[in-house]
């Protein structure tokens, strides 16, 4: 990802990423084309897991942490 890519995602409402999937404050994917090219489990698969751990540190991660918790 280039700085311009990140700027575009932020302009689209991204507050951070979960496993490389960029989400907005509501926990929804902000760029479906990028998400379709992302390798790994989907957010729906993660939400369906019996157990999941999140490691989030630092004040700059507050928005993404809130989005992750609010969206399950």
PDB file of N, CA and C in Angstrom:
ATOM      1  N   UNK A   1       0.847  -1.179   0.000  1.00  0.00           N
ATOM      2  CA  UNK A   1       0.000   0.000   0.000  1.00  0.00           C
ATOM      3  C   UNK A   1       0.889   1.237   0.000  1.00  0.00           C
ATOM      4  N   UNK A   2       0.561   2.160  -0.857  1.00  0.00           N
ATOM      5  CA  UNK A   2       1.296   3.421  -0.911  1.00  0.00           C
ATOM      6  C   UNK A   2       0.610   4.433   0.014  1.00  0.00           C
ATOM      7  N   UNK A   3       1.310   5.513   0.342  1.00  0.00           N
ATOM      8  CA  UNK A   3       0.653   6.561   1.125  1.00  0.00           C
ATOM      9  C   UNK A   3      -0.608   7.090   0.431  1.00  0.00           C
ATOM     10  N   UNK A   4      -0.599   7.160  -0.888  1.00  0.00           N
ATOM     11  CA  UNK A   4      -1.782   7.618  -1.626  1.00  0.00           C
ATOM     12  C   UNK A   4      -2.944   6.635  -1.463  1.00  0.00           C
ATOM     13  N   UNK A   5      -2.634   5.332  -1.434  1.00  0.00           N
ATOM     14  CA  UNK A   5      -3.673   4.320  -1.207  1.00  0.00           C
ATOM     15  C   UNK A   5      -4.306   4.514   0.168  1.00  0.00           C
ATOM     16  N   UNK A   6      -3.474   4.724   1.166  1.00  0.00           N
ATOM     17  CA  UNK A   6      -3.976   4.932   2.529  1.00  0.00           C
ATOM     18  C   UNK A   6      -4.821   6.204   2.594  1.00  0.00           C
ATOM     19  N   UNK A   7      -4.354   7.275   1.953  1.00  0.00           N
ATOM     20  CA  UNK A   7      -5.125   8.525   1.924  1.00  0.00           C
ATOM     21  C   UNK A   7      -6.497   8.305   1.293  1.00  0.00           C
ATOM     22  N   UNK A   8      -6.550   7.510   0.226  1.00  0.00           N
ATOM     23  CA  UNK A   8      -7.813   7.214  -0.455  1.00  0.00           C
ATOM     24  C   UNK A   8      -8.743   6.433   0.468  1.00  0.00           C
ATOM     25  N   UNK A   9      -8.192   5.468   1.201  1.00  0.00           N
ATOM     26  CA  UNK A   9      -9.004   4.684   2.128  1.00  0.00           C
ATOM     27  C   UNK A   9      -9.535   5.556   3.266  1.00  0.00           C
ATOM     28  N   UNK A  10      -8.696   6.424   3.795  1.00  0.00           N
ATOM     29  CA  UNK A  10      -9.132   7.341   4.856  1.00  0.00           C
ATOM     30  C   UNK A  10     -10.232   8.262   4.330  1.00  0.00           C
ATOM     31  N   UNK A  11     -10.070   8.762   3.110  1.00  0.00           N
ATOM     32  CA  UNK A  11     -11.090   9.621   2.508  1.00  0.00           C
ATOM     33  C   UNK A  11     -12.416   8.870   2.332  1.00  0.00           C
ATOM     34  N   UNK A  12     -12.325   7.552   2.143  1.00  0.00           N
ATOM     35  CA  UNK A  12     -13.522   6.715   2.003  1.00  0.00           C
ATOM     36  C   UNK A  12     -14.134   6.360   3.354  1.00  0.00           C
ATOM     37  N   UNK A  13     -13.470   6.764   4.446  1.00  0.00           N
ATOM     38  CA  UNK A  13     -14.012   6.534   5.779  1.00  0.00           C
ATOM     39  C   UNK A  13     -13.302   5.493   6.611  1.00  0.00           C
ATOM     40  N   UNK A  14     -12.205   4.940   6.118  1.00  0.00           N
ATOM     41  CA  UNK A  14     -11.482   3.913   6.880  1.00  0.00           C
ATOM     42  C   UNK A  14     -10.905   4.491   8.164  1.00  0.00           C
ATOM     43  N   UNK A  15     -11.058   3.728   9.252  1.00  0.00           N
ATOM     44  CA  UNK A  15     -10.440   4.104  10.524  1.00  0.00           C
ATOM     45  C   UNK A  15      -9.296   3.165  10.870  1.00  0.00           C
ATOM     46  N   UNK A  16      -9.124   2.100  10.078  1.00  0.00           N
ATOM     47  CA  UNK A  16      -8.049   1.140  10.302  1.00  0.00           C
ATOM     48  C   UNK A  16      -8.344  -0.154   9.585  1.00  0.00           C
ATOM     49  N   UNK A  17      -7.545  -1.163   9.909  1.00  0.00           N
ATOM     50  CA  UNK A  17      -7.762  -2.446   9.252  1.00  0.00           C
ATOM     51  C   UNK A  17      -7.794  -3.576  10.269  1.00  0.00           C
ATOM     52  N   UNK A  18      -8.487  -4.627   9.885  1.00  0.00           N
ATOM     53  CA  UNK A  18      -8.554  -5.876  10.645  1.00  0.00           C
ATOM     54  C   UNK A  18      -8.114  -6.958   9.675  1.00  0.00           C
ATOM     55  N   UNK A  19      -6.968  -7.563   9.946  1.00  0.00           N
ATOM     56  CA  UNK A  19      -6.428  -8.597   9.067  1.00  0.00           C
ATOM     57  C   UNK A  19      -6.296  -8.109   7.624  1.00  0.00           C
ATOM     58  N   UNK A  20      -5.945  -6.839   7.465  1.00  0.00           N
ATOM     59  CA  UNK A  20      -5.751  -6.275   6.128  1.00  0.00           C
ATOM     60  C   UNK A  20      -7.033  -5.832   5.453  1.00  0.00           C
ATOM     61  N   UNK A  21      -8.139  -5.884   6.166  1.00  0.00           N
ATOM     62  CA  UNK A  21      -9.432  -5.474   5.609  1.00  0.00           C
ATOM     63  C   UNK A  21      -9.806  -4.125   6.227  1.00  0.00           C
ATOM     64  N   UNK A  22      -9.851  -3.101   5.390  1.00  0.00           N
ATOM     65  CA  UNK A  22     -10.034  -1.731   5.871  1.00  0.00           C
ATOM     66  C   UNK A  22     -11.508  -1.450   6.131  1.00  0.00           C
ATOM     67  N   UNK A  23     -11.777  -0.998   7.368  1.00  0.00           N
ATOM     68  CA  UNK A  23     -13.157  -0.776   7.787  1.00  0.00           C
ATOM     69  C   UNK A  23     -13.363   0.657   8.253  1.00  0.00           C
ATOM     70  N   UNK A  24     -14.636   1.061   8.203  1.00  0.00           N
ATOM     71  CA  UNK A  24     -15.035   2.355   8.723  1.00  0.00           C
ATOM     72  C   UNK A  24     -15.441   2.234  10.181  1.00  0.00           C
ATOM     73  N   UNK A  25     -15.871   3.334  10.761  1.00  0.00           N
ATOM     74  CA  UNK A  25     -16.257   3.363  12.169  1.00  0.00           C
ATOM     75  C   UNK A  25     -17.429   2.431  12.463  1.00  0.00           C
ATOM     76  N   UNK A  26     -18.212   2.109  11.440  1.00  0.00           N
ATOM     77  CA  UNK A  26     -19.348   1.206  11.611  1.00  0.00           C
ATOM     78  C   UNK A  26     -18.964  -0.266  11.477  1.00  0.00           C
ATOM     79  N   UNK A  27     -17.675  -0.540  11.216  1.00  0.00           N
ATOM     80  CA  UNK A  27     -17.206  -1.908  11.084  1.00  0.00           C
ATOM     81  C   UNK A  27     -17.390  -2.509   9.706  1.00  0.00           C
ATOM     82  N   UNK A  28     -17.841  -1.717   8.755  1.00  0.00           N
ATOM     83  CA  UNK A  28     -18.061  -2.206   7.392  1.00  0.00           C
ATOM     84  C   UNK A  28     -16.860  -1.919   6.512  1.00  0.00           C
ATOM     85  N   UNK A  29     -16.656  -2.787   5.543  1.00  0.00           N
ATOM     86  CA  UNK A  29     -15.574  -2.635   4.569  1.00  0.00           C
ATOM     87  C   UNK A  29     -15.770  -1.327   3.804  1.00  0.00           C
ATOM     88  N   UNK A  30     -14.698  -0.564   3.615  1.00  0.00           N
ATOM     89  CA  UNK A  30     -14.816   0.711   2.897  1.00  0.00           C
ATOM     90  C   UNK A  30     -14.433   0.604   1.424  1.00  0.00           C
ATOM     91  N   UNK A  31     -13.704  -0.425   1.039  1.00  0.00           N
ATOM     92  CA  UNK A  31     -13.305  -0.595  -0.359  1.00  0.00           C
ATOM     93  C   UNK A  31     -13.509  -2.067  -0.735  1.00  0.00           C
ATOM     94  N   UNK A  32     -14.644  -2.346  -1.353  1.00  0.00           N
ATOM     95  CA  UNK A  32     -14.988  -3.735  -1.667  1.00  0.00           C
ATOM     96  C   UNK A  32     -14.074  -4.341  -2.733  1.00  0.00           C
ATOM     97  N   UNK A  33     -13.577  -3.529  -3.660  1.00  0.00           N
ATOM     98  CA  UNK A  33     -12.645  -4.047  -4.669  1.00  0.00           C
ATOM     99  C   UNK A  33     -11.342  -4.504  -4.016  1.00  0.00           C
ATOM    100  N   UNK A  34     -10.793  -3.689  -3.135  1.00  0.00           N
ATOM    101  CA  UNK A  34      -9.583  -4.068  -2.409  1.00  0.00           C
ATOM    102  C   UNK A  34      -9.854  -5.297  -1.554  1.00  0.00           C
ATOM    103  N   UNK A  35     -10.985  -5.315  -0.875  1.00  0.00           N
ATOM    104  CA  UNK A  35     -11.314  -6.440  -0.008  1.00  0.00           C
ATOM    105  C   UNK A  35     -11.405  -7.746  -0.804  1.00  0.00           C
ATOM    106  N   UNK A  36     -11.920  -7.679  -2.011  1.00  0.00           N
ATOM    107  CA  UNK A  36     -12.037  -8.879  -2.847  1.00  0.00           C
ATOM    108  C   UNK A  36     -10.668  -9.445  -3.220  1.00  0.00           C
ATOM    109  N   UNK A  37      -9.640  -8.601  -3.211  1.00  0.00           N
ATOM    110  CA  UNK A  37      -8.282  -9.047  -3.542  1.00  0.00           C
ATOM    111  C   UNK A  37      -7.461  -9.408  -2.306  1.00  0.00           C
ATOM    112  N   UNK A  38      -8.023  -9.217  -1.124  1.00  0.00           N
ATOM    113  CA  UNK A  38      -7.303  -9.476   0.121  1.00  0.00           C
ATOM    114  C   UNK A  38      -7.351 -10.961   0.443  1.00  0.00           C
ATOM    115  N   UNK A  39      -6.192 -11.532   0.726  1.00  0.00           N
ATOM    116  CA  UNK A  39      -6.089 -12.952   1.031  1.00  0.00           C
ATOM    117  C   UNK A  39      -6.218 -13.156   2.536  1.00  0.00           C
ATOM    118  N   UNK A  40      -7.053 -14.086   2.934  1.00  0.00           N
ATOM    119  CA  UNK A  40      -7.238 -14.395   4.347  1.00  0.00           C
ATOM    120  C   UNK A  40      -8.700 -14.574   4.661  1.00  0.00           C
ATOM    121  N   UNK A  41      -8.989 -14.822   5.931  1.00  0.00           N
ATOM    122  CA  UNK A  41     -10.387 -15.025   6.303  1.00  0.00           C
ATOM    123  C   UNK A  41     -11.150 -13.709   6.189  1.00  0.00           C
ATOM    124  N   UNK A  42     -12.423 -13.827   5.914  1.00  0.00           N
ATOM    125  CA  UNK A  42     -13.267 -12.637   5.801  1.00  0.00           C
ATOM    126  C   UNK A  42     -13.675 -12.158   7.195  1.00  0.00           C
ATOM    127  N   UNK A  43     -14.213 -10.959   7.252  1.00  0.00           N
ATOM    128  CA  UNK A  43     -14.695 -10.458   8.543  1.00  0.00           C
ATOM    129  C   UNK A  43     -15.884 -11.270   9.020  1.00  0.00           C
ATOM    130  N   UNK A  44     -16.720 -11.753   8.103  1.00  0.00           N
ATOM    131  CA  UNK A  44     -17.838 -12.607   8.502  1.00  0.00           C
ATOM    132  C   UNK A  44     -17.341 -13.908   9.126  1.00  0.00           C
ATOM    133  N   UNK A  45     -16.284 -14.483   8.551  1.00  0.00           N
ATOM    134  CA  UNK A  45     -15.701 -15.701   9.127  1.00  0.00           C
ATOM    135  C   UNK A  45     -15.114 -15.414  10.510  1.00  0.00           C
ATOM    136  N   UNK A  46     -14.473 -14.273  10.652  1.00  0.00           N
ATOM    137  CA  UNK A  46     -13.922 -13.891  11.951  1.00  0.00           C
ATOM    138  C   UNK A  46     -15.038 -13.704  12.979  1.00  0.00           C
ATOM    139  N   UNK A  47     -16.115 -13.047  12.570  1.00  0.00           N
ATOM    140  CA  UNK A  47     -17.247 -12.837  13.484  1.00  0.00           C
ATOM    141  C   UNK A  47     -17.891 -14.159  13.901  1.00  0.00           C
ATOM    142  N   UNK A  48     -17.844 -15.155  13.033  1.00  0.00           N
ATOM    143  CA  UNK A  48     -18.464 -16.455  13.321  1.00  0.00           C
ATOM    144  C   UNK A  48     -17.579 -17.359  14.179  1.00  0.00           C
ATOM    145  N   UNK A  49     -16.339 -16.969  14.407  1.00  0.00           N
ATOM    146  CA  UNK A  49     -15.421 -17.799  15.194  1.00  0.00           C
ATOM    147  C   UNK A  49     -15.912 -17.925  16.632  1.00  0.00           C
ATOM    148  N   UNK A  50     -15.699 -19.094  17.209  1.00  0.00           N
ATOM    149  CA  UNK A  50     -16.079 -19.301  18.601  1.00  0.00           C
ATOM    150  C   UNK A  50     -15.222 -18.469  19.545  1.00  0.00           C
ATOM    151  N   UNK A  51     -13.948 -18.310  19.197  1.00  0.00           N
ATOM    152  CA  UNK A  51     -13.014 -17.546  20.019  1.00  0.00           C
ATOM    153  C   UNK A  51     -12.149 -16.699  19.098  1.00  0.00           C
ATOM    154  N   UNK A  52     -11.960 -15.444  19.464  1.00  0.00           N
ATOM    155  CA  UNK A  52     -11.070 -14.564  18.709  1.00  0.00           C
ATOM    156  C   UNK A  52     -10.359 -13.644  19.692  1.00  0.00           C
ATOM    157  N   UNK A  53      -9.143 -13.296  19.370  1.00  0.00           N
ATOM    158  CA  UNK A  53      -8.349 -12.379  20.188  1.00  0.00           C
ATOM    159  C   UNK A  53      -7.997 -11.164  19.359  1.00  0.00           C
ATOM    160  N   UNK A  54      -8.046 -10.005  19.962  1.00  0.00           N
ATOM    161  CA  UNK A  54      -7.622  -8.775  19.305  1.00  0.00           C
ATOM    162  C   UNK A  54      -6.491  -8.174  20.126  1.00  0.00           C
ATOM    163  N   UNK A  55      -5.447  -7.764  19.447  1.00  0.00           N
ATOM    164  CA  UNK A  55      -4.341  -7.076  20.094  1.00  0.00           C
ATOM    165  C   UNK A  55      -4.254  -5.701  19.459  1.00  0.00           C
ATOM    166  N   UNK A  56      -4.584  -4.693  20.244  1.00  0.00           N
ATOM    167  CA  UNK A  56      -4.617  -3.314  19.761  1.00  0.00           C
ATOM    168  C   UNK A  56      -3.930  -2.460  20.813  1.00  0.00           C
ATOM    169  N   UNK A  57      -2.966  -1.650  20.396  1.00  0.00           N
ATOM    170  CA  UNK A  57      -2.238  -0.844  21.368  1.00  0.00           C
ATOM    171  C   UNK A  57      -2.046   0.583  20.865  1.00  0.00           C
ATOM    172  N   UNK A  58      -2.150   1.506  21.760  1.00  0.00           N
ATOM    173  CA  UNK A  58      -1.829   2.894  21.457  1.00  0.00           C
ATOM    174  C   UNK A  58      -3.043   3.764  21.232  1.00  0.00           C
ATOM    175  N   UNK A  59      -2.914   5.010  21.611  1.00  0.00           N
ATOM    176  CA  UNK A  59      -3.987   6.001  21.466  1.00  0.00           C
ATOM    177  C   UNK A  59      -4.427   6.144  20.013  1.00  0.00           C
ATOM    178  N   UNK A  60      -3.503   6.023  19.074  1.00  0.00           N
ATOM    179  CA  UNK A  60      -3.849   6.197  17.660  1.00  0.00           C
ATOM    180  C   UNK A  60      -4.765   5.089  17.142  1.00  0.00           C
ATOM    181  N   UNK A  61      -4.913   4.024  17.910  1.00  0.00           N
ATOM    182  CA  UNK A  61      -5.746   2.882  17.502  1.00  0.00           C
ATOM    183  C   UNK A  61      -7.138   2.919  18.130  1.00  0.00           C
ATOM    184  N   UNK A  62      -7.473   4.009  18.813  1.00  0.00           N
ATOM    185  CA  UNK A  62      -8.752   4.096  19.515  1.00  0.00           C
ATOM    186  C   UNK A  62      -9.947   3.908  18.583  1.00  0.00           C
ATOM    187  N   UNK A  63      -9.932   4.576  17.418  1.00  0.00           N
ATOM    188  CA  UNK A  63     -11.081   4.482  16.502  1.00  0.00           C
ATOM    189  C   UNK A  63     -11.265   3.069  15.961  1.00  0.00           C
ATOM    190  N   UNK A  64     -10.177   2.420  15.564  1.00  0.00           N
ATOM    191  CA  UNK A  64     -10.301   1.065  15.026  1.00  0.00           C
ATOM    192  C   UNK A  64     -10.721   0.103  16.132  1.00  0.00           C
ATOM    193  N   UNK A  65     -10.242   0.293  17.340  1.00  0.00           N
ATOM    194  CA  UNK A  65     -10.641  -0.575  18.453  1.00  0.00           C
ATOM    195  C   UNK A  65     -12.146  -0.431  18.707  1.00  0.00           C
ATOM    196  N   UNK A  66     -12.650   0.785  18.701  1.00  0.00           N
ATOM    197  CA  UNK A  66     -14.086   1.006  18.910  1.00  0.00           C
ATOM    198  C   UNK A  66     -14.900   0.373  17.781  1.00  0.00           C
ATOM    199  N   UNK A  67     -14.426   0.484  16.543  1.00  0.00           N
ATOM    200  CA  UNK A  67     -15.134  -0.099  15.411  1.00  0.00           C
ATOM    201  C   UNK A  67     -15.170  -1.616  15.507  1.00  0.00           C
ATOM    202  N   UNK A  68     -14.057  -2.219  15.908  1.00  0.00           N
ATOM    203  CA  UNK A  68     -13.997  -3.675  16.033  1.00  0.00           C
ATOM    204  C   UNK A  68     -14.966  -4.158  17.106  1.00  0.00           C
ATOM    205  N   UNK A  69     -14.957  -3.517  18.256  1.00  0.00           N
ATOM    206  CA  UNK A  69     -15.838  -3.934  19.359  1.00  0.00           C
ATOM    207  C   UNK A  69     -17.297  -3.714  18.973  1.00  0.00           C
ATOM    208  N   UNK A  70     -17.619  -2.580  18.400  1.00  0.00           N
ATOM    209  CA  UNK A  70     -19.013  -2.260  18.058  1.00  0.00           C
ATOM    210  C   UNK A  70     -19.574  -3.170  16.967  1.00  0.00           C
ATOM    211  N   UNK A  71     -18.721  -3.646  16.078  1.00  0.00           N
ATOM    212  CA  UNK A  71     -19.221  -4.438  14.947  1.00  0.00           C
ATOM    213  C   UNK A  71     -19.137  -5.947  15.195  1.00  0.00           C
ATOM    214  N   UNK A  72     -18.725  -6.328  16.386  1.00  0.00           N
ATOM    215  CA  UNK A  72     -18.676  -7.747  16.721  1.00  0.00           C
ATOM    216  C   UNK A  72     -17.462  -8.428  16.175  1.00  0.00           C
TER     217      UNK A  72
END
